[in-house]
């Protein structure tokens, strides 16, 4: 769980950080005194819960909460303040809590029990995938190297299907659409699957792939992917889609049409 704290005063910030870490020892707690730095952090890291002071110089906590919600709509906001008069404003933006300073451990526990958006345990992301524009895969900051172009295309198709179990015949028909099915083609497909497993194993990411008799799938929770973030109405992902999806693969055209349609409507209906 990633927790963000923002308070422009050093001592209250440090006190709240220690208190939260004592109550939630498994959480990663990051504190900032400047709202702008907190926003930069939220652009790069998923924030599950944000504890925000309200009275701050420059951008106040209410404004900061709205900015954080624009970045990721399911960030839980908990205000920490010495002023009671902002409670109505806080709940207008659907805050999960309004805690008076000094914030006690008991108040934190209670607020965490009533989050608007329950925090799900996320598996470690093994690879990062770009689907908008051309399809690319990264392990850390380096592009993943594929010995065969068709191996990369196989992974692209599975990524597009977002964890759905895909039958071998379905995949073969998609990535070899101009060729009739044959024993030779099935043999080539089996070699692709082996090559994909080797490629992922080389970067300790073989567990993003599920292989059972006759079907393949990926584990979306182990993949950082702009498409999946788009489905979750993540502002960065929505803004990064410029009308092209896996542009190098003809079979991706139907998904591209679908994305264009929903990007012009309400993304929250996806």
Protein backbone atom coordinates (compact mmCIF):
# COMPACT_ATOMS: atom_id res chain seq x y z
CA UNK A 1 0.00 0.00 0.00
CA UNK A 2 1.38 3.42 -0.97
CA UNK A 3 0.50 6.25 1.41
CA UNK A 4 1.23 9.91 0.72
CA UNK A 5 1.40 12.62 3.40
CA UNK A 6 1.48 16.34 2.63
CA UNK A 7 1.94 18.97 5.35
CA UNK A 8 3.94 22.16 4.98
CA UNK A 9 5.09 22.00 8.61
CA UNK A 10 7.99 19.65 9.34
CA UNK A 11 7.11 18.47 12.86
CA UNK A 12 3.45 17.54 12.15
CA UNK A 13 4.60 15.79 8.96
CA UNK A 14 7.20 13.72 10.80
CA UNK A 15 4.79 12.93 13.65
CA UNK A 16 2.06 11.72 11.29
CA UNK A 17 4.55 9.65 9.28
CA UNK A 18 5.77 7.87 12.43
CA UNK A 19 2.20 7.29 13.61
CA UNK A 20 1.06 5.81 10.30
CA UNK A 21 4.13 3.58 10.05
CA UNK A 22 3.42 2.32 13.56
CA UNK A 23 -0.16 1.45 12.66
CA UNK A 24 0.53 0.17 9.12
CA UNK A 25 4.02 -1.38 9.17
CA UNK A 26 3.61 -2.96 5.71
CA UNK A 27 2.74 0.34 4.02
CA UNK A 28 5.18 2.55 2.11
CA UNK A 29 4.75 6.05 3.53
CA UNK A 30 6.15 9.08 1.67
CA UNK A 31 5.89 12.63 2.98
CA UNK A 32 6.24 16.03 1.30
CA UNK A 33 6.06 19.60 2.53
CA UNK A 34 5.39 21.04 -0.93
CA UNK A 35 2.17 20.13 -2.81
CA UNK A 36 3.93 20.39 -6.17
CA UNK A 37 6.44 17.71 -5.18
CA UNK A 38 3.57 15.50 -4.02
CA UNK A 39 1.88 15.87 -7.41
CA UNK A 40 5.11 14.97 -9.21
CA UNK A 41 5.35 11.86 -7.05
CA UNK A 42 1.72 10.89 -7.78
CA UNK A 43 2.38 11.20 -11.52
CA UNK A 44 4.98 8.44 -11.20
CA UNK A 45 3.67 6.26 -8.37
CA UNK A 46 0.20 4.89 -7.64
CA UNK A 47 -1.10 6.46 -4.41
CA UNK A 48 -3.65 4.43 -2.47
CA UNK A 49 -4.25 6.89 0.38
CA UNK A 50 -3.28 10.56 0.73
CA UNK A 51 -3.26 12.28 4.13
CA UNK A 52 -3.45 16.01 3.39
CA UNK A 53 -3.19 19.05 5.62
CA UNK A 54 -5.71 21.70 4.55
CA UNK A 55 -4.12 25.00 5.60
CA UNK A 56 -0.91 25.22 3.55
CA UNK A 57 0.87 28.03 1.79
CA UNK A 58 0.19 28.24 -1.93
CA UNK A 59 -2.04 25.31 -2.89
CA UNK A 60 -4.24 24.25 0.01
CA UNK A 61 -5.21 20.67 0.80
CA UNK A 62 -8.62 20.89 -0.88
CA UNK A 63 -7.07 22.01 -4.16
CA UNK A 64 -4.36 19.36 -3.86
CA UNK A 65 -6.99 16.66 -3.33
CA UNK A 66 -8.72 17.62 -6.58
CA UNK A 67 -5.40 17.51 -8.44
CA UNK A 68 -4.62 14.07 -7.03
CA UNK A 69 -8.08 12.84 -8.03
CA UNK A 70 -7.43 14.08 -11.57
CA UNK A 71 -4.30 11.93 -11.69
CA UNK A 72 -5.96 8.83 -10.25
CA UNK A 73 -9.64 8.92 -9.42
CA UNK A 74 -9.49 6.08 -6.88
CA UNK A 75 -6.98 7.70 -4.53
CA UNK A 76 -8.48 7.85 -1.04
CA UNK A 77 -8.24 11.31 0.52
CA UNK A 78 -8.01 11.79 4.31
CA UNK A 79 -7.69 15.35 5.56
CA UNK A 80 -5.69 16.16 8.69
CA UNK A 81 -6.25 19.62 10.09
CA UNK A 82 -6.68 21.79 13.14
CA UNK A 83 -9.74 23.49 11.70
CA UNK A 84 -13.29 22.16 11.76
CA UNK A 85 -14.80 24.62 9.26
CA UNK A 86 -13.57 22.75 6.18
CA UNK A 87 -15.44 19.51 6.90
CA UNK A 88 -18.30 20.27 4.48
CA UNK A 89 -15.85 21.15 1.69
CA UNK A 90 -13.92 17.95 2.37
CA UNK A 91 -16.93 15.72 2.00
CA UNK A 92 -18.00 17.48 -1.21
CA UNK A 93 -14.96 15.89 -2.84
CA UNK A 94 -15.79 12.52 -1.24
CA UNK A 95 -12.99 12.41 1.31
CA UNK A 96 -12.60 9.15 3.22
CA UNK A 97 -11.83 10.94 6.45
CA UNK A 98 -11.46 14.28 8.25
CA UNK A 99 -9.10 13.95 11.21
CA UNK A 100 -8.32 16.63 13.75
CA UNK A 101 -4.68 17.22 14.73
CA UNK A 102 -2.84 15.79 16.52
CA UNK A 103 -3.93 12.64 14.71
CA UNK A 104 -4.04 9.56 16.91
CA UNK A 105 -3.28 6.00 15.92
CA UNK A 106 -6.87 5.06 16.74
CA UNK A 107 -8.21 7.73 14.35
CA UNK A 108 -5.99 6.42 11.56
CA UNK A 109 -7.16 2.85 12.09
CA UNK A 110 -10.80 3.92 12.00
CA UNK A 111 -10.32 6.01 8.86
CA UNK A 112 -8.59 3.11 7.09
CA UNK A 113 -11.59 0.91 7.89
CA UNK A 114 -13.90 3.26 5.99
CA UNK A 115 -11.99 4.02 2.80
CA UNK A 116 -14.19 4.83 -0.20
CA UNK A 117 -11.92 2.73 -2.40
CA UNK A 118 -10.67 -0.44 -0.66
CA UNK A 119 -6.97 -0.98 -1.20
CA UNK A 120 -6.22 -4.15 -3.08
CA UNK A 121 -2.96 -5.96 -2.62
CA UNK A 122 -1.07 -5.51 -5.86
CA UNK A 123 1.37 -8.05 -7.15
CA UNK A 124 4.78 -6.85 -8.15
CA UNK A 125 4.81 -5.58 -11.72
CA UNK A 126 7.32 -7.67 -13.65
CA UNK A 127 7.25 -5.89 -17.03
CA UNK A 128 6.04 -2.58 -18.44
CA UNK A 129 4.04 -2.65 -21.67
CA UNK A 130 3.30 0.15 -24.11
CA UNK A 131 0.34 -0.52 -26.40
CA UNK A 132 -0.47 3.03 -27.55
CA UNK A 133 1.39 3.71 -30.77
CA UNK A 134 3.63 0.72 -31.49
CA UNK A 135 3.69 -2.24 -29.12
CA UNK A 136 6.79 -2.29 -26.90
CA UNK A 137 7.81 -4.23 -23.78
CA UNK A 138 10.28 -3.13 -21.11
CA UNK A 139 12.01 -4.92 -18.26
CA UNK A 140 13.09 -2.10 -15.98
CA UNK A 141 14.21 0.72 -18.27
CA UNK A 142 15.45 -1.57 -21.05
CA UNK A 143 13.42 -2.87 -24.00
CA UNK A 144 12.81 -6.61 -23.80
CA UNK A 145 14.67 -8.42 -26.57
CA UNK A 146 12.72 -10.93 -28.64
CA UNK A 147 14.54 -13.44 -30.83
CA UNK A 148 11.51 -13.62 -33.14
CA UNK A 149 9.06 -10.95 -34.19
CA UNK A 150 6.19 -13.44 -33.95
CA UNK A 151 7.06 -14.11 -30.30
CA UNK A 152 6.59 -10.44 -29.56
CA UNK A 153 3.33 -10.48 -31.53
CA UNK A 154 2.10 -13.46 -29.52
CA UNK A 155 2.66 -11.53 -26.29
CA UNK A 156 0.96 -8.47 -27.79
CA UNK A 157 -2.17 -10.48 -28.55
CA UNK A 158 -2.29 -11.89 -25.02
CA UNK A 159 -1.80 -8.40 -23.56
CA UNK A 160 -4.71 -7.10 -25.62
CA UNK A 161 -6.94 -9.90 -24.28
CA UNK A 162 -6.14 -8.74 -20.69
CA UNK A 163 -6.07 -12.05 -18.86
CA UNK A 164 -8.76 -13.82 -20.90
CA UNK A 165 -7.95 -17.47 -21.64
CA UNK A 166 -7.07 -17.68 -25.32
CA UNK A 167 -7.27 -20.98 -27.16
CA UNK A 168 -4.33 -21.97 -29.34
CA UNK A 169 -6.49 -21.98 -32.48
CA UNK A 170 -7.77 -18.48 -31.72
CA UNK A 171 -4.23 -17.13 -31.41
CA UNK A 172 -3.00 -18.90 -34.55
CA UNK A 173 -5.93 -17.54 -36.56
CA UNK A 174 -5.20 -14.01 -35.34
CA UNK A 175 -1.45 -13.75 -35.84
CA UNK A 176 -1.34 -15.85 -39.05
CA UNK A 177 -4.61 -14.59 -40.49
CA UNK A 178 -3.56 -15.13 -44.11
CA UNK A 179 -2.40 -18.73 -43.66
CA UNK A 180 -4.61 -21.84 -43.44
CA UNK A 181 -4.22 -23.90 -40.30
CA UNK A 182 -1.85 -26.85 -40.64
CA UNK A 183 0.32 -29.17 -38.60
CA UNK A 184 3.38 -27.11 -39.56
CA UNK A 185 1.72 -23.92 -38.36
CA UNK A 186 0.75 -25.53 -35.05
CA UNK A 187 4.33 -26.72 -34.62
CA UNK A 188 5.60 -23.19 -35.28
CA UNK A 189 3.15 -21.87 -32.71
CA UNK A 190 4.42 -24.30 -30.06
CA UNK A 191 7.96 -23.08 -30.70
CA UNK A 192 6.77 -19.50 -30.25
CA UNK A 193 5.28 -20.36 -26.86
CA UNK A 194 8.57 -21.93 -25.77
CA UNK A 195 10.47 -18.89 -27.03
CA UNK A 196 8.13 -16.53 -25.16
CA UNK A 197 8.61 -18.47 -21.93
CA UNK A 198 12.40 -18.33 -22.38
CA UNK A 199 12.27 -14.60 -23.11
CA UNK A 200 10.23 -13.85 -20.00
CA UNK A 201 12.31 -16.22 -17.85
CA UNK A 202 15.44 -14.27 -18.78
CA UNK A 203 14.05 -11.20 -16.95
CA UNK A 204 12.46 -13.19 -14.09
CA UNK A 205 8.98 -12.55 -15.49
CA UNK A 206 7.83 -15.99 -16.62
CA UNK A 207 5.03 -15.86 -14.06
CA UNK A 208 3.21 -13.15 -16.05
CA UNK A 209 2.22 -15.99 -18.40
CA UNK A 210 -0.38 -18.67 -17.67
CA UNK A 211 -0.08 -21.80 -19.80
CA UNK A 212 -2.56 -24.62 -19.52
CA UNK A 213 -3.54 -27.35 -21.91
CA UNK A 214 -4.70 -25.65 -25.09
CA UNK A 215 -4.88 -22.11 -23.65
CA UNK A 216 -2.65 -19.14 -22.86
CA UNK A 217 -3.20 -15.95 -20.87
CA UNK A 218 -1.31 -13.22 -19.07
CA UNK A 219 -1.68 -12.10 -15.44
CA UNK A 220 -2.66 -8.41 -15.73
CA UNK A 221 -1.77 -7.71 -12.09
CA UNK A 222 1.90 -8.48 -12.85
CA UNK A 223 2.04 -6.12 -15.83
CA UNK A 224 2.23 -2.34 -15.90
CA UNK A 225 0.30 -1.46 -19.06
CA UNK A 226 -1.08 1.78 -20.51
CA UNK A 227 -4.14 -0.09 -21.87
CA UNK A 228 -5.05 -1.43 -18.43
CA UNK A 229 -4.54 2.00 -16.86
CA UNK A 230 -6.77 3.45 -19.59
CA UNK A 231 -9.53 1.03 -18.60
CA UNK A 232 -9.12 2.22 -14.99
CA UNK A 233 -9.61 5.85 -16.10
CA UNK A 234 -6.04 6.80 -15.19
CA UNK A 235 -5.58 10.39 -16.40
CA UNK A 236 -2.04 9.85 -17.74
CA UNK A 237 -3.09 6.80 -19.75
CA UNK A 238 -6.22 8.45 -21.11
CA UNK A 239 -4.18 11.46 -22.24
CA UNK A 240 -1.46 9.28 -23.78
CA UNK A 241 -3.88 7.57 -26.16
CA UNK A 242 -3.67 9.55 -29.41
CA UNK A 243 -5.66 7.26 -31.67
CA UNK A 244 -3.19 4.46 -32.37
CA UNK A 245 -3.12 1.06 -30.66
CA UNK A 246 -0.48 -1.60 -31.43
CA UNK A 247 -0.12 0.04 -34.81
CA UNK A 248 2.12 -2.66 -36.30
CA UNK A 249 -0.49 -5.44 -35.97
CA UNK A 250 -3.50 -5.59 -38.33
CA UNK A 251 -5.55 -7.72 -35.90
CA UNK A 252 -5.43 -4.85 -33.38
CA UNK A 253 -7.49 -2.58 -35.64
CA UNK A 254 -10.84 -3.57 -34.10
CA UNK A 255 -9.57 -2.77 -30.60
CA UNK A 256 -8.26 0.55 -31.90
CA UNK A 257 -11.73 1.42 -33.25
CA UNK A 258 -13.24 0.50 -29.88
CA UNK A 259 -10.74 2.67 -27.98
CA UNK A 260 -11.41 5.63 -30.25
CA UNK A 261 -15.12 5.25 -29.61
CA UNK A 262 -14.93 5.11 -25.84
CA UNK A 263 -12.28 7.84 -25.62
CA UNK A 264 -14.83 10.18 -27.17
CA UNK A 265 -17.44 9.17 -24.60
CA UNK A 266 -17.31 8.54 -20.87
CA UNK A 267 -14.16 6.52 -20.07
CA UNK A 268 -15.65 5.58 -16.69
CA UNK A 269 -18.19 3.39 -18.47
CA UNK A 270 -15.48 1.01 -19.69
